[in-house]
Amino acid sequence: MTEKIKISDYLDPLQRFGRTGRVHSVFDRSFNVMIGQQLVNINNYRNYLTGFGVFLPDALFEQVLPLIEVGNRVQVREHGLTFYSTK
């Protein structure tokens, strides 16, 4: 069975916090994005989803994390996030 992206009910719709954001902080298995005044945790913990969080499956998280740096711009779209990186 393929794991799917999970998003907290408190974040739906994500665009209500704003249309752009920035990477706030980066950790080994998660990172935070500040959208407007809302901090959103994006993580790779299978059994843990914060109230304002998004779970990414292993393969997707491993593709994204090397490109994430504090300060990177994030565009909020209706059905996803676009990360802009210098890498």
PDB file of N, CA and C in Angstrom:
ATOM      1  N   MET A   1       0.835  -1.182   0.000  1.00  0.00           N
ATOM      2  CA  MET A   1       0.000   0.000   0.000  1.00  0.00           C
ATOM      3  C   MET A   1       0.886   1.253   0.000  1.00  0.00           C
ATOM      4  N   THR A   2       0.570   2.188  -0.858  1.00  0.00           N
ATOM      5  CA  THR A   2       1.323   3.417  -0.971  1.00  0.00           C
ATOM      6  C   THR A   2       0.810   4.436   0.043  1.00  0.00           C
ATOM      7  N   GLU A   3       1.749   5.030   0.785  1.00  0.00           N
ATOM      8  CA  GLU A   3       1.367   6.063   1.750  1.00  0.00           C
ATOM      9  C   GLU A   3       0.950   7.322   1.006  1.00  0.00           C
ATOM     10  N   LYS A   4       0.066   8.071   1.623  1.00  0.00           N
ATOM     11  CA  LYS A   4      -0.429   9.297   1.022  1.00  0.00           C
ATOM     12  C   LYS A   4      -0.092  10.486   1.896  1.00  0.00           C
ATOM     13  N   ILE A   5      -0.069  11.636   1.281  1.00  0.00           N
ATOM     14  CA  ILE A   5       0.098  12.882   2.018  1.00  0.00           C
ATOM     15  C   ILE A   5      -1.118  13.069   2.912  1.00  0.00           C
ATOM     16  N   LYS A   6      -0.882  13.484   4.146  1.00  0.00           N
ATOM     17  CA  LYS A   6      -1.974  13.767   5.080  1.00  0.00           C
ATOM     18  C   LYS A   6      -1.851  15.215   5.523  1.00  0.00           C
ATOM     19  N   ILE A   7      -2.974  15.883   5.647  1.00  0.00           N
ATOM     20  CA  ILE A   7      -2.975  17.277   6.080  1.00  0.00           C
ATOM     21  C   ILE A   7      -3.972  17.442   7.226  1.00  0.00           C
ATOM     22  N   SER A   8      -3.588  18.190   8.210  1.00  0.00           N
ATOM     23  CA  SER A   8      -4.451  18.448   9.359  1.00  0.00           C
ATOM     24  C   SER A   8      -5.731  19.151   8.932  1.00  0.00           C
ATOM     25  N   ASP A   9      -6.828  18.790   9.570  1.00  0.00           N
ATOM     26  CA  ASP A   9      -8.113  19.435   9.282  1.00  0.00           C
ATOM     27  C   ASP A   9      -8.075  20.933   9.570  1.00  0.00           C
ATOM     28  N   TYR A  10      -7.228  21.356  10.497  1.00  0.00           N
ATOM     29  CA  TYR A  10      -7.126  22.773  10.852  1.00  0.00           C
ATOM     30  C   TYR A  10      -6.492  23.616   9.743  1.00  0.00           C
ATOM     31  N   LEU A  11      -5.878  22.963   8.758  1.00  0.00           N
ATOM     32  CA  LEU A  11      -5.210  23.686   7.675  1.00  0.00           C
ATOM     33  C   LEU A  11      -6.042  23.776   6.409  1.00  0.00           C
ATOM     34  N   ASP A  12      -7.239  23.256   6.435  1.00  0.00           N
ATOM     35  CA  ASP A  12      -8.057  23.201   5.232  1.00  0.00           C
ATOM     36  C   ASP A  12      -9.062  24.345   5.227  1.00  0.00           C
ATOM     37  N   PRO A  13      -9.008  25.261   4.281  1.00  0.00           N
ATOM     38  CA  PRO A  13      -8.053  25.373   3.185  1.00  0.00           C
ATOM     39  C   PRO A  13      -6.789  26.122   3.615  1.00  0.00           C
ATOM     40  N   LEU A  14      -5.668  25.685   3.127  1.00  0.00           N
ATOM     41  CA  LEU A  14      -4.375  26.253   3.490  1.00  0.00           C
ATOM     42  C   LEU A  14      -4.243  27.706   3.043  1.00  0.00           C
ATOM     43  N   GLN A  15      -4.870  28.067   1.942  1.00  0.00           N
ATOM     44  CA  GLN A  15      -4.753  29.427   1.405  1.00  0.00           C
ATOM     45  C   GLN A  15      -5.374  30.491   2.309  1.00  0.00           C
ATOM     46  N   ARG A  16      -6.162  30.099   3.288  1.00  0.00           N
ATOM     47  CA  ARG A  16      -6.777  31.103   4.162  1.00  0.00           C
ATOM     48  C   ARG A  16      -5.734  31.838   4.992  1.00  0.00           C
ATOM     49  N   PHE A  17      -4.532  31.267   5.137  1.00  0.00           N
ATOM     50  CA  PHE A  17      -3.461  31.906   5.907  1.00  0.00           C
ATOM     51  C   PHE A  17      -2.633  32.865   5.051  1.00  0.00           C
ATOM     52  N   GLY A  18      -2.747  32.743   3.739  1.00  0.00           N
ATOM     53  CA  GLY A  18      -1.995  33.588   2.819  1.00  0.00           C
ATOM     54  C   GLY A  18      -1.611  32.810   1.577  1.00  0.00           C
ATOM     55  N   ARG A  19      -1.075  33.514   0.618  1.00  0.00           N
ATOM     56  CA  ARG A  19      -0.697  32.882  -0.645  1.00  0.00           C
ATOM     57  C   ARG A  19       0.807  32.668  -0.790  1.00  0.00           C
ATOM     58  N   THR A  20       1.568  33.275   0.120  1.00  0.00           N
ATOM     59  CA  THR A  20       3.014  33.065   0.106  1.00  0.00           C
ATOM     60  C   THR A  20       3.510  32.887   1.530  1.00  0.00           C
ATOM     61  N   GLY A  21       4.662  32.264   1.629  1.00  0.00           N
ATOM     62  CA  GLY A  21       5.271  32.059   2.932  1.00  0.00           C
ATOM     63  C   GLY A  21       6.762  31.885   2.788  1.00  0.00           C
ATOM     64  N   ARG A  22       7.396  31.535   3.892  1.00  0.00           N
ATOM     65  CA  ARG A  22       8.844  31.311   3.923  1.00  0.00           C
ATOM     66  C   ARG A  22       9.141  30.100   4.793  1.00  0.00           C
ATOM     67  N   VAL A  23      10.213  29.390   4.450  1.00  0.00           N
ATOM     68  CA  VAL A  23      10.671  28.306   5.308  1.00  0.00           C
ATOM     69  C   VAL A  23      11.199  28.949   6.585  1.00  0.00           C
ATOM     70  N   HIS A  24      10.673  28.548   7.712  1.00  0.00           N
ATOM     71  CA  HIS A  24      10.990  29.140   9.010  1.00  0.00           C
ATOM     72  C   HIS A  24      12.135  28.411   9.700  1.00  0.00           C
ATOM     73  N   SER A  25      12.097  27.074   9.707  1.00  0.00           N
ATOM     74  CA  SER A  25      13.112  26.273  10.402  1.00  0.00           C
ATOM     75  C   SER A  25      13.154  24.881   9.780  1.00  0.00           C
ATOM     76  N   VAL A  26      14.336  24.247   9.880  1.00  0.00           N
ATOM     77  CA  VAL A  26      14.556  22.939   9.264  1.00  0.00           C
ATOM     78  C   VAL A  26      15.173  21.998  10.294  1.00  0.00           C
ATOM     79  N   PHE A  27      14.641  20.767  10.350  1.00  0.00           N
ATOM     80  CA  PHE A  27      15.116  19.733  11.262  1.00  0.00           C
ATOM     81  C   PHE A  27      15.391  18.453  10.471  1.00  0.00           C
ATOM     82  N   ASP A  28      15.810  17.381  11.136  1.00  0.00           N
ATOM     83  CA  ASP A  28      16.123  16.129  10.448  1.00  0.00           C
ATOM     84  C   ASP A  28      14.919  15.503   9.757  1.00  0.00           C
ATOM     85  N   ARG A  29      13.783  15.490  10.413  1.00  0.00           N
ATOM     86  CA  ARG A  29      12.604  14.802   9.880  1.00  0.00           C
ATOM     87  C   ARG A  29      11.398  15.723   9.704  1.00  0.00           C
ATOM     88  N   SER A  30      11.635  17.024   9.766  1.00  0.00           N
ATOM     89  CA  SER A  30      10.535  17.968   9.556  1.00  0.00           C
ATOM     90  C   SER A  30      11.092  19.355   9.260  1.00  0.00           C
ATOM     91  N   PHE A  31      10.206  20.220   8.801  1.00  0.00           N
ATOM     92  CA  PHE A  31      10.543  21.632   8.654  1.00  0.00           C
ATOM     93  C   PHE A  31       9.261  22.432   8.831  1.00  0.00           C
ATOM     94  N   ASN A  32       9.426  23.705   9.158  1.00  0.00           N
ATOM     95  CA  ASN A  32       8.293  24.585   9.399  1.00  0.00           C
ATOM     96  C   ASN A  32       8.255  25.672   8.338  1.00  0.00           C
ATOM     97  N   VAL A  33       7.043  25.976   7.908  1.00  0.00           N
ATOM     98  CA  VAL A  33       6.807  27.045   6.950  1.00  0.00           C
ATOM     99  C   VAL A  33       5.893  28.064   7.612  1.00  0.00           C
ATOM    100  N   MET A  34       6.258  29.332   7.529  1.00  0.00           N
ATOM    101  CA  MET A  34       5.428  30.412   8.060  1.00  0.00           C
ATOM    102  C   MET A  34       4.598  30.966   6.906  1.00  0.00           C
ATOM    103  N   ILE A  35       3.277  30.810   7.033  1.00  0.00           N
ATOM    104  CA  ILE A  35       2.351  31.334   6.035  1.00  0.00           C
ATOM    105  C   ILE A  35       1.497  32.359   6.766  1.00  0.00           C
ATOM    106  N   GLY A  36       1.654  33.617   6.392  1.00  0.00           N
ATOM    107  CA  GLY A  36       0.994  34.678   7.156  1.00  0.00           C
ATOM    108  C   GLY A  36       1.517  34.623   8.578  1.00  0.00           C
ATOM    109  N   GLN A  37       0.629  34.486   9.543  1.00  0.00           N
ATOM    110  CA  GLN A  37       1.030  34.365  10.943  1.00  0.00           C
ATOM    111  C   GLN A  37       0.919  32.928  11.448  1.00  0.00           C
ATOM    112  N   GLN A  38       0.722  31.962  10.527  1.00  0.00           N
ATOM    113  CA  GLN A  38       0.542  30.563  10.904  1.00  0.00           C
ATOM    114  C   GLN A  38       1.789  29.737  10.589  1.00  0.00           C
ATOM    115  N   LEU A  39       2.306  29.053  11.596  1.00  0.00           N
ATOM    116  CA  LEU A  39       3.434  28.146  11.415  1.00  0.00           C
ATOM    117  C   LEU A  39       2.879  26.763  11.061  1.00  0.00           C
ATOM    118  N   VAL A  40       3.320  26.214   9.931  1.00  0.00           N
ATOM    119  CA  VAL A  40       2.863  24.914   9.451  1.00  0.00           C
ATOM    120  C   VAL A  40       4.037  23.948   9.503  1.00  0.00           C
ATOM    121  N   ASN A  41       3.850  22.815  10.183  1.00  0.00           N
ATOM    122  CA  ASN A  41       4.888  21.796  10.301  1.00  0.00           C
ATOM    123  C   ASN A  41       4.707  20.757   9.200  1.00  0.00           C
ATOM    124  N   ILE A  42       5.754  20.521   8.429  1.00  0.00           N
ATOM    125  CA  ILE A  42       5.741  19.494   7.383  1.00  0.00           C
ATOM    126  C   ILE A  42       6.719  18.433   7.835  1.00  0.00           C
ATOM    127  N   ASN A  43       6.210  17.204   8.017  1.00  0.00           N
ATOM    128  CA  ASN A  43       7.046  16.188   8.645  1.00  0.00           C
ATOM    129  C   ASN A  43       6.971  14.838   7.952  1.00  0.00           C
ATOM    130  N   ASN A  44       7.790  13.939   8.470  1.00  0.00           N
ATOM    131  CA  ASN A  44       7.888  12.584   7.938  1.00  0.00           C
ATOM    132  C   ASN A  44       7.722  11.561   9.062  1.00  0.00           C
ATOM    133  N   TYR A  45       6.912  11.883  10.050  1.00  0.00           N
ATOM    134  CA  TYR A  45       6.612  10.967  11.148  1.00  0.00           C
ATOM    135  C   TYR A  45       5.311  10.252  10.834  1.00  0.00           C
ATOM    136  N   ARG A  46       5.368   8.975  10.570  1.00  0.00           N
ATOM    137  CA  ARG A  46       4.192   8.223  10.136  1.00  0.00           C
ATOM    138  C   ARG A  46       2.980   8.349  11.057  1.00  0.00           C
ATOM    139  N   ASN A  47       3.185   8.269  12.345  1.00  0.00           N
ATOM    140  CA  ASN A  47       2.065   8.247  13.284  1.00  0.00           C
ATOM    141  C   ASN A  47       1.885   9.554  14.033  1.00  0.00           C
ATOM    142  N   TYR A  48       2.385  10.645  13.472  1.00  0.00           N
ATOM    143  CA  TYR A  48       2.308  11.919  14.175  1.00  0.00           C
ATOM    144  C   TYR A  48       1.962  13.023  13.189  1.00  0.00           C
ATOM    145  N   LEU A  49       0.853  13.662  13.416  1.00  0.00           N
ATOM    146  CA  LEU A  49       0.443  14.791  12.603  1.00  0.00           C
ATOM    147  C   LEU A  49       0.059  15.917  13.547  1.00  0.00           C
ATOM    148  N   THR A  50       0.808  17.006  13.517  1.00  0.00           N
ATOM    149  CA  THR A  50       0.515  18.130  14.403  1.00  0.00           C
ATOM    150  C   THR A  50      -0.818  18.759  14.026  1.00  0.00           C
ATOM    151  N   GLY A  51      -1.367  19.554  14.926  1.00  0.00           N
ATOM    152  CA  GLY A  51      -2.626  20.237  14.652  1.00  0.00           C
ATOM    153  C   GLY A  51      -2.557  21.096  13.405  1.00  0.00           C
ATOM    154  N   PHE A  52      -1.413  21.698  13.167  1.00  0.00           N
ATOM    155  CA  PHE A  52      -1.197  22.505  11.973  1.00  0.00           C
ATOM    156  C   PHE A  52      -0.042  21.879  11.199  1.00  0.00           C
ATOM    157  N   GLY A  53      -0.272  20.656  10.699  1.00  0.00           N
ATOM    158  CA  GLY A  53       0.805  19.922  10.061  1.00  0.00           C
ATOM    159  C   GLY A  53       0.416  19.183   8.806  1.00  0.00           C
ATOM    160  N   VAL A  54       1.465  18.755   8.105  1.00  0.00           N
ATOM    161  CA  VAL A  54       1.338  17.967   6.881  1.00  0.00           C
ATOM    162  C   VAL A  54       2.322  16.817   6.981  1.00  0.00           C
ATOM    163  N   PHE A  55       1.861  15.600   6.665  1.00  0.00           N
ATOM    164  CA  PHE A  55       2.726  14.421   6.624  1.00  0.00           C
ATOM    165  C   PHE A  55       3.070  14.134   5.175  1.00  0.00           C
ATOM    166  N   LEU A  56       4.376  13.941   4.896  1.00  0.00           N
ATOM    167  CA  LEU A  56       4.832  13.526   3.576  1.00  0.00           C
ATOM    168  C   LEU A  56       5.417  12.125   3.667  1.00  0.00           C
ATOM    169  N   PRO A  57       5.046  11.218   2.756  1.00  0.00           N
ATOM    170  CA  PRO A  57       5.635   9.875   2.735  1.00  0.00           C
ATOM    171  C   PRO A  57       7.149   9.946   2.497  1.00  0.00           C
ATOM    172  N   ASP A  58       7.845   8.875   2.880  1.00  0.00           N
ATOM    173  CA  ASP A  58       9.304   8.831   2.800  1.00  0.00           C
ATOM    174  C   ASP A  58       9.869   9.315   1.468  1.00  0.00           C
ATOM    175  N   ALA A  59       9.422   8.747   0.364  1.00  0.00           N
ATOM    176  CA  ALA A  59      10.001   9.071  -0.949  1.00  0.00           C
ATOM    177  C   ALA A  59       9.871  10.559  -1.270  1.00  0.00           C
ATOM    178  N   LEU A  60       8.724  11.117  -1.025  1.00  0.00           N
ATOM    179  CA  LEU A  60       8.506  12.539  -1.312  1.00  0.00           C
ATOM    180  C   LEU A  60       9.309  13.416  -0.359  1.00  0.00           C
ATOM    181  N   PHE A  61       9.316  13.086   0.923  1.00  0.00           N
ATOM    182  CA  PHE A  61      10.069  13.866   1.900  1.00  0.00           C
ATOM    183  C   PHE A  61      11.560  13.879   1.556  1.00  0.00           C
ATOM    184  N   GLU A  62      12.098  12.721   1.165  1.00  0.00           N
ATOM    185  CA  GLU A  62      13.517  12.627   0.829  1.00  0.00           C
ATOM    186  C   GLU A  62      13.870  13.414  -0.424  1.00  0.00           C
ATOM    187  N   GLN A  63      12.917  13.612  -1.330  1.00  0.00           N
ATOM    188  CA  GLN A  63      13.149  14.437  -2.512  1.00  0.00           C
ATOM    189  C   GLN A  63      13.147  15.922  -2.165  1.00  0.00           C
ATOM    190  N   VAL A  64      12.274  16.306  -1.254  1.00  0.00           N
ATOM    191  CA  VAL A  64      12.078  17.717  -0.926  1.00  0.00           C
ATOM    192  C   VAL A  64      13.117  18.249   0.060  1.00  0.00           C
ATOM    193  N   LEU A  65      13.412  17.496   1.109  1.00  0.00           N
ATOM    194  CA  LEU A  65      14.250  18.006   2.203  1.00  0.00           C
ATOM    195  C   LEU A  65      15.606  18.566   1.762  1.00  0.00           C
ATOM    196  N   PRO A  66      16.344  17.936   0.852  1.00  0.00           N
ATOM    197  CA  PRO A  66      17.644  18.510   0.471  1.00  0.00           C
ATOM    198  C   PRO A  66      17.547  19.893  -0.180  1.00  0.00           C
ATOM    199  N   LEU A  67      16.382  20.260  -0.662  1.00  0.00           N
ATOM    200  CA  LEU A  67      16.199  21.547  -1.323  1.00  0.00           C
ATOM    201  C   LEU A  67      15.713  22.646  -0.387  1.00  0.00           C
ATOM    202  N   ILE A  68      15.350  22.266   0.836  1.00  0.00           N
ATOM    203  CA  ILE A  68      14.747  23.207   1.780  1.00  0.00           C
ATOM    204  C   ILE A  68      15.829  23.934   2.576  1.00  0.00           C
ATOM    205  N   GLU A  69      15.745  25.260   2.574  1.00  0.00           N
ATOM    206  CA  GLU A  69      16.648  26.101   3.370  1.00  0.00           C
ATOM    207  C   GLU A  69      15.824  27.185   4.055  1.00  0.00           C
ATOM    208  N   VAL A  70      16.230  27.555   5.251  1.00  0.00           N
ATOM    209  CA  VAL A  70      15.561  28.636   5.972  1.00  0.00           C
ATOM    210  C   VAL A  70      15.547  29.874   5.073  1.00  0.00           C
ATOM    211  N   GLY A  71      14.383  30.486   4.971  1.00  0.00           N
ATOM    212  CA  GLY A  71      14.229  31.694   4.170  1.00  0.00           C
ATOM    213  C   GLY A  71      13.701  31.451   2.768  1.00  0.00           C
ATOM    214  N   ASN A  72      13.718  30.188   2.282  1.00  0.00           N
ATOM    215  CA  ASN A  72      13.183  29.896   0.950  1.00  0.00           C
ATOM    216  C   ASN A  72      11.731  30.343   0.859  1.00  0.00           C
ATOM    217  N   ARG A  73      11.377  30.893  -0.283  1.00  0.00           N
ATOM    218  CA  ARG A  73      10.005  31.329  -0.530  1.00  0.00           C
ATOM    219  C   ARG A  73       9.125  30.107  -0.814  1.00  0.00           C
ATOM    220  N   VAL A  74       7.886  30.174  -0.365  1.00  0.00           N
ATOM    221  CA  VAL A  74       6.905  29.109  -0.581  1.00  0.00           C
ATOM    222  C   VAL A  74       5.636  29.743  -1.123  1.00  0.00           C
ATOM    223  N   GLN A  75       5.154  29.232  -2.237  1.00  0.00           N
ATOM    224  CA  GLN A  75       3.892  29.714  -2.777  1.00  0.00           C
ATOM    225  C   GLN A  75       2.803  28.710  -2.426  1.00  0.00           C
ATOM    226  N   VAL A  76       1.707  29.209  -1.904  1.00  0.00           N
ATOM    227  CA  VAL A  76       0.582  28.367  -1.497  1.00  0.00           C
ATOM    228  C   VAL A  76      -0.402  28.321  -2.663  1.00  0.00           C
ATOM    229  N   ARG A  77      -0.667  27.120  -3.131  1.00  0.00           N
ATOM    230  CA  ARG A  77      -1.616  26.922  -4.229  1.00  0.00           C
ATOM    231  C   ARG A  77      -2.832  26.182  -3.699  1.00  0.00           C
ATOM    232  N   GLU A  78      -3.857  26.118  -4.499  1.00  0.00           N
ATOM    233  CA  GLU A  78      -5.094  25.480  -4.059  1.00  0.00           C
ATOM    234  C   GLU A  78      -4.881  24.030  -3.640  1.00  0.00           C
ATOM    235  N   HIS A  79      -4.035  23.302  -4.347  1.00  0.00           N
ATOM    236  CA  HIS A  79      -3.843  21.888  -4.060  1.00  0.00           C
ATOM    237  C   HIS A  79      -2.382  21.543  -3.789  1.00  0.00           C
ATOM    238  N   GLY A  80      -1.627  22.477  -3.223  1.00  0.00           N
ATOM    239  CA  GLY A  80      -0.240  22.150  -2.915  1.00  0.00           C
ATOM    240  C   GLY A  80       0.605  23.369  -2.608  1.00  0.00           C
ATOM    241  N   LEU A  81       1.861  23.096  -2.372  1.00  0.00           N
ATOM    242  CA  LEU A  81       2.850  24.131  -2.083  1.00  0.00           C
ATOM    243  C   LEU A  81       3.943  24.051  -3.124  1.00  0.00           C
ATOM    244  N   THR A  82       4.452  25.203  -3.537  1.00  0.00           N
ATOM    245  CA  THR A  82       5.601  25.270  -4.436  1.00  0.00           C
ATOM    246  C   THR A  82       6.736  25.904  -3.663  1.00  0.00           C
ATOM    247  N   PHE A  83       7.867  25.191  -3.573  1.00  0.00           N
ATOM    248  CA  PHE A  83       9.045  25.680  -2.868  1.00  0.00           C
ATOM    249  C   PHE A  83      10.044  26.219  -3.883  1.00  0.00           C
ATOM    250  N   TYR A  84      10.577  27.391  -3.600  1.00  0.00           N
ATOM    251  CA  TYR A  84      11.596  27.992  -4.452  1.00  0.00           C
ATOM    252  C   TYR A  84      12.927  27.888  -3.724  1.00  0.00           C
ATOM    253  N   SER A  85      13.902  27.311  -4.400  1.00  0.00           N
ATOM    254  CA  SER A  85      15.188  27.034  -3.767  1.00  0.00           C
ATOM    255  C   SER A  85      16.324  27.523  -4.639  1.00  0.00           C
ATOM    256  N   THR A  86      17.449  27.818  -4.005  1.00  0.00           N
ATOM    257  CA  THR A  86      18.648  28.195  -4.753  1.00  0.00           C
ATOM    258  C   THR A  86      19.490  26.955  -5.085  1.00  0.00           C
ATOM    259  N   LYS A  87      19.078  25.799  -4.583  1.00  0.00           N
ATOM    260  CA  LYS A  87      19.810  24.552  -4.849  1.00  0.00           C
ATOM    261  C   LYS A  87      19.322  23.898  -6.114  1.00  0.00           C
TER     262      LYS A  87
END
